[in-house]
Amino acid sequence: KAGDKIVSVAGNPINTWEDLAVALQGQAGQMVPVVIERNGSQITFNPTIGSITESGETRSFLGVMPKLEMEKMPVAQVPAEMWNVTVASVEGLLSFPKQVFNLGQTLINEEPRDMNGPVSVIGVGRISGQLSAADAISNLDKISILLMLLASLNLFLFLFNLVPILPLDGGHIAGALYEGLRNSFAKLTGKPNPGPVDTARMLPVAYIATLFILAMSLVVMLADIIKPLIIF
């Protein structure tokens, strides 16, 4: 029932939601003891664990979901949280081409879309609309989630723009750094100043990168139109 706390599954203590997934591994079709705490008392059930298939992967399924609550974060914890978000954004950036490729495959088959995959501005708009219309979320929580969504989106775009490839700003920064290092090395070795770097020689790379970015954007936008994410 709503409000029950899962204490253990198959003898494995449950402290986090992730612990439950680990305890259920390989238990599909088996009857296992599930101990829950209700109104201060512990009760043991013996359900038969089911199975569910998502994204081509079959896993054990108990049929419960956690209660989600918003908690205020101490100000002192903000730097650590921002570091975690930044690390997650960098990891997402490194896997972005692969995720877009997988997303493109879902457009031509019947597989469901990955809920943790990339979205375009169309998808962000849809998610924001779903959030605004959700009755189970308070207005304060809606504002908090929207601000977090906008902040994470801007952080990802900032990091993406720093990729050292033209026409992104990171490409211009890389060219300026190379020019500065080259001029400094020439000065230290007593050689004449080699002058500015001719970034125009990188235009073929810029053209290819631009086409690649446009192609990825098109795939993600088509996915948001054909297979939109339903979050709330």
Protein backbone atom coordinates (compact mmCIF):
# COMPACT_ATOMS: atom_id res chain seq x y z
CA LYS A 1 0.00 0.00 0.00
CA ALA A 2 1.00 3.62 -0.36
CA GLY A 3 3.32 4.53 2.49
CA ASP A 4 4.76 1.04 2.97
CA LYS A 5 8.53 0.87 3.40
CA ILE A 6 10.31 -2.14 1.89
CA VAL A 7 12.67 -3.60 4.49
CA SER A 8 14.08 -6.62 2.62
CA VAL A 9 13.56 -8.77 -0.47
CA ALA A 10 14.68 -12.41 -0.53
CA GLY A 11 16.69 -11.70 2.62
CA ASN A 12 18.51 -8.73 1.09
CA PRO A 13 18.13 -5.45 3.05
CA ILE A 14 16.65 -2.58 1.05
CA ASN A 15 17.96 0.89 1.86
CA THR A 16 17.64 2.56 -1.57
CA TRP A 17 15.53 2.06 -4.68
CA GLU A 18 18.62 0.72 -6.45
CA ASP A 19 18.93 -2.00 -3.79
CA LEU A 20 15.50 -3.30 -4.80
CA ALA A 21 16.55 -3.70 -8.45
CA VAL A 22 19.66 -5.63 -7.38
CA ALA A 23 17.69 -7.88 -5.02
CA LEU A 24 15.18 -8.75 -7.78
CA GLN A 25 17.80 -9.80 -10.33
CA GLY A 26 17.24 -13.38 -11.48
CA GLN A 27 14.09 -13.75 -9.35
CA ALA A 28 11.52 -13.70 -12.17
CA GLY A 29 9.03 -16.53 -11.75
CA GLN A 30 10.19 -17.24 -8.18
CA MET A 31 8.23 -16.79 -4.97
CA VAL A 32 10.34 -14.67 -2.63
CA PRO A 33 9.72 -13.19 0.82
CA VAL A 34 9.20 -9.42 0.83
CA VAL A 35 9.27 -7.76 4.25
CA ILE A 36 7.61 -4.34 4.50
CA GLU A 37 7.08 -1.91 7.35
CA ARG A 38 3.55 -0.57 7.78
CA ASN A 39 2.41 1.64 10.66
CA GLY A 40 5.45 0.64 12.72
CA SER A 41 4.96 -3.12 12.23
CA GLN A 42 6.73 -5.50 9.85
CA ILE A 43 4.70 -7.71 7.54
CA THR A 44 6.02 -10.47 5.27
CA PHE A 45 4.51 -11.20 1.86
CA ASN A 46 5.50 -13.99 -0.52
CA PRO A 47 4.70 -12.71 -4.03
CA THR A 48 5.73 -14.44 -7.25
CA ILE A 49 8.08 -12.06 -9.05
CA GLY A 50 7.00 -11.19 -12.58
CA SER A 51 9.02 -9.98 -15.54
CA ILE A 52 8.86 -7.00 -17.88
CA THR A 53 10.59 -6.26 -21.19
CA GLU A 54 11.74 -2.72 -21.94
CA SER A 55 14.04 -1.62 -24.78
CA GLY A 56 14.66 -5.27 -25.64
CA GLU A 57 15.81 -6.10 -22.09
CA THR A 58 13.87 -8.43 -19.80
CA ARG A 59 14.11 -7.85 -16.05
CA SER A 60 12.37 -8.91 -12.87
CA PHE A 61 9.30 -6.87 -11.91
CA LEU A 62 7.65 -6.51 -8.50
CA GLY A 63 5.02 -3.95 -9.48
CA VAL A 64 5.78 -1.12 -7.05
CA MET A 65 7.21 2.34 -7.47
CA PRO A 66 8.89 4.74 -5.03
CA LYS A 67 7.30 7.83 -3.58
CA LEU A 68 9.06 10.91 -4.93
CA GLU A 69 9.50 13.86 -2.62
CA MET A 70 11.27 17.18 -3.06
CA GLU A 71 13.80 17.96 -0.32
CA LYS A 72 15.55 21.24 0.36
CA MET A 73 19.29 21.09 -0.17
CA PRO A 74 21.68 22.87 2.20
CA VAL A 75 23.54 25.73 0.54
CA ALA A 76 26.85 24.11 1.45
CA GLN A 77 25.90 21.11 -0.70
CA VAL A 78 25.33 23.16 -3.87
CA PRO A 79 28.99 23.10 -5.11
CA ALA A 80 29.14 19.30 -4.82
CA GLU A 81 25.79 18.97 -6.57
CA MET A 82 26.89 21.30 -9.37
CA TRP A 83 30.06 19.23 -9.79
CA ASN A 84 27.96 16.04 -10.09
CA VAL A 85 25.69 17.69 -12.66
CA THR A 86 28.70 18.93 -14.64
CA VAL A 87 30.32 15.47 -14.64
CA ALA A 88 27.02 13.94 -15.80
CA SER A 89 26.78 16.57 -18.56
CA VAL A 90 30.31 15.79 -19.77
CA GLU A 91 29.53 12.06 -19.80
CA GLY A 92 26.35 12.78 -21.73
CA LEU A 93 28.29 14.93 -24.19
CA LEU A 94 30.85 12.17 -24.82
CA SER A 95 28.09 9.63 -25.49
CA PHE A 96 25.89 12.06 -27.44
CA PRO A 97 26.73 10.81 -30.98
CA LYS A 98 26.07 7.20 -29.94
CA GLN A 99 22.80 8.16 -28.25
CA VAL A 100 21.65 10.02 -31.36
CA PHE A 101 22.51 6.98 -33.49
CA ASN A 102 20.47 4.72 -31.18
CA LEU A 103 17.65 7.25 -31.24
CA GLY A 104 17.68 7.21 -35.04
CA GLN A 105 17.31 3.43 -34.99
CA THR A 106 14.15 3.69 -32.88
CA LEU A 107 12.60 5.81 -35.63
CA ILE A 108 12.70 2.87 -38.05
CA ASN A 109 11.73 0.05 -35.69
CA GLU A 110 9.13 -0.65 -33.01
CA GLU A 111 11.48 -0.33 -30.03
CA PRO A 112 10.44 2.21 -27.38
CA ARG A 113 12.46 5.36 -27.02
CA ASP A 114 15.08 5.59 -24.28
CA MET A 115 13.72 7.86 -21.54
CA ASN A 116 17.29 9.02 -20.78
CA GLY A 117 18.14 9.79 -24.40
CA PRO A 118 18.68 13.22 -25.98
CA VAL A 119 15.88 15.70 -26.66
CA SER A 120 15.65 18.82 -28.82
CA VAL A 121 14.03 22.16 -28.04
CA ILE A 122 10.78 20.53 -29.18
CA GLY A 123 11.16 17.83 -26.56
CA VAL A 124 12.07 20.34 -23.87
CA GLY A 125 8.94 22.31 -24.73
CA ARG A 126 6.77 19.17 -24.55
CA ILE A 127 8.25 18.14 -21.20
CA SER A 128 7.75 21.65 -19.83
CA GLY A 129 4.11 21.57 -20.96
CA GLN A 130 3.54 18.17 -19.34
CA LEU A 131 5.11 19.44 -16.12
CA SER A 132 2.95 22.56 -16.09
CA ALA A 133 -0.21 20.47 -16.56
CA ALA A 134 0.68 17.84 -13.91
CA ASP A 135 -1.85 18.02 -11.07
CA ALA A 136 0.16 15.85 -8.67
CA ILE A 137 3.03 18.39 -8.48
CA SER A 138 2.81 21.61 -6.48
CA ASN A 139 3.43 24.94 -8.18
CA LEU A 140 6.59 25.47 -6.13
CA ASP A 141 7.96 22.09 -7.22
CA LYS A 142 7.03 22.87 -10.83
CA ILE A 143 9.04 26.09 -10.71
CA SER A 144 11.96 24.26 -9.10
CA ILE A 145 11.97 21.50 -11.74
CA LEU A 146 11.67 23.99 -14.61
CA LEU A 147 14.62 26.01 -13.29
CA MET A 148 16.68 22.82 -12.95
CA LEU A 149 15.70 21.83 -16.49
CA LEU A 150 16.73 25.20 -17.92
CA ALA A 151 19.98 25.23 -15.93
CA SER A 152 20.99 21.72 -17.05
CA LEU A 153 20.09 22.54 -20.66
CA ASN A 154 22.22 25.69 -20.64
CA LEU A 155 25.11 23.87 -18.96
CA PHE A 156 25.06 21.16 -21.65
CA LEU A 157 24.95 23.74 -24.45
CA PHE A 158 27.84 25.61 -22.82
CA LEU A 159 29.96 22.46 -22.68
CA PHE A 160 28.96 21.46 -26.22
CA ASN A 161 30.02 24.88 -27.51
CA LEU A 162 33.47 24.33 -25.95
CA VAL A 163 34.20 21.29 -28.11
CA PRO A 164 37.45 22.28 -29.93
CA ILE A 165 36.03 21.97 -33.45
CA LEU A 166 35.03 24.77 -35.81
CA PRO A 167 32.50 26.38 -36.17
CA LEU A 168 31.95 26.07 -32.40
CA ASP A 169 33.52 28.61 -30.07
CA GLY A 170 35.78 25.85 -28.78
CA GLY A 171 37.36 25.67 -32.23
CA HIS A 172 38.17 29.39 -32.19
CA ILE A 173 39.55 29.10 -28.65
CA ALA A 174 41.73 26.17 -29.72
CA GLY A 175 43.06 28.21 -32.66
CA ALA A 176 43.86 31.17 -30.39
CA LEU A 177 45.62 28.94 -27.86
CA TYR A 178 47.67 27.29 -30.59
CA GLU A 179 48.66 30.69 -31.96
CA GLY A 180 49.67 31.92 -28.52
CA LEU A 181 51.72 28.80 -27.78
CA ARG A 182 53.41 28.95 -31.17
CA ASN A 183 54.31 32.62 -30.77
CA SER A 184 55.57 32.06 -27.22
CA PHE A 185 57.74 29.14 -28.36
CA ALA A 186 59.19 31.24 -31.18
CA LYS A 187 59.99 34.05 -28.74
CA LEU A 188 61.69 31.67 -26.30
CA THR A 189 63.82 30.10 -29.02
CA GLY A 190 64.76 33.46 -30.57
CA LYS A 191 62.91 32.78 -33.81
CA PRO A 192 60.86 35.42 -35.67
CA ASN A 193 57.20 35.78 -34.85
CA PRO A 194 55.33 33.34 -37.12
CA GLY A 195 52.27 35.62 -37.18
CA PRO A 196 48.59 34.75 -36.83
CA VAL A 197 47.25 31.24 -37.44
CA ASP A 198 45.28 30.85 -40.66
CA THR A 199 42.07 29.27 -39.30
CA ALA A 200 40.56 29.43 -42.80
CA ARG A 201 42.49 26.25 -43.55
CA MET A 202 40.12 24.49 -41.15
CA LEU A 203 37.02 25.43 -43.13
CA PRO A 204 36.59 21.91 -44.61
CA VAL A 205 36.49 20.54 -41.08
CA ALA A 206 34.00 23.26 -40.11
CA TYR A 207 31.74 22.33 -43.04
CA ILE A 208 31.77 18.64 -42.09
CA ALA A 209 31.16 19.43 -38.41
CA THR A 210 28.26 21.72 -39.33
CA LEU A 211 26.61 19.04 -41.45
CA PHE A 212 27.12 16.51 -38.66
CA ILE A 213 25.52 18.83 -36.07
CA LEU A 214 22.58 19.58 -38.39
CA ALA A 215 22.05 15.85 -39.02
CA MET A 216 22.03 15.07 -35.30
CA SER A 217 19.63 17.96 -34.63
CA LEU A 218 17.28 16.70 -37.35
CA VAL A 219 17.22 13.17 -35.92
CA VAL A 220 16.44 14.38 -32.40
CA MET A 221 13.73 16.78 -33.59
CA LEU A 222 12.08 14.05 -35.68
CA ALA A 223 12.14 11.74 -32.66
CA ASP A 224 10.48 14.43 -30.52
CA ILE A 225 7.72 14.75 -33.14
CA ILE A 226 7.21 11.07 -34.02
CA LYS A 227 7.98 9.48 -30.64
CA PRO A 228 7.59 12.21 -28.01
CA LEU A 229 8.62 11.49 -24.43
CA ILE A 230 5.82 11.21 -21.89
CA ILE A 231 7.38 12.14 -18.55
CA PHE A 232 4.45 13.36 -16.46
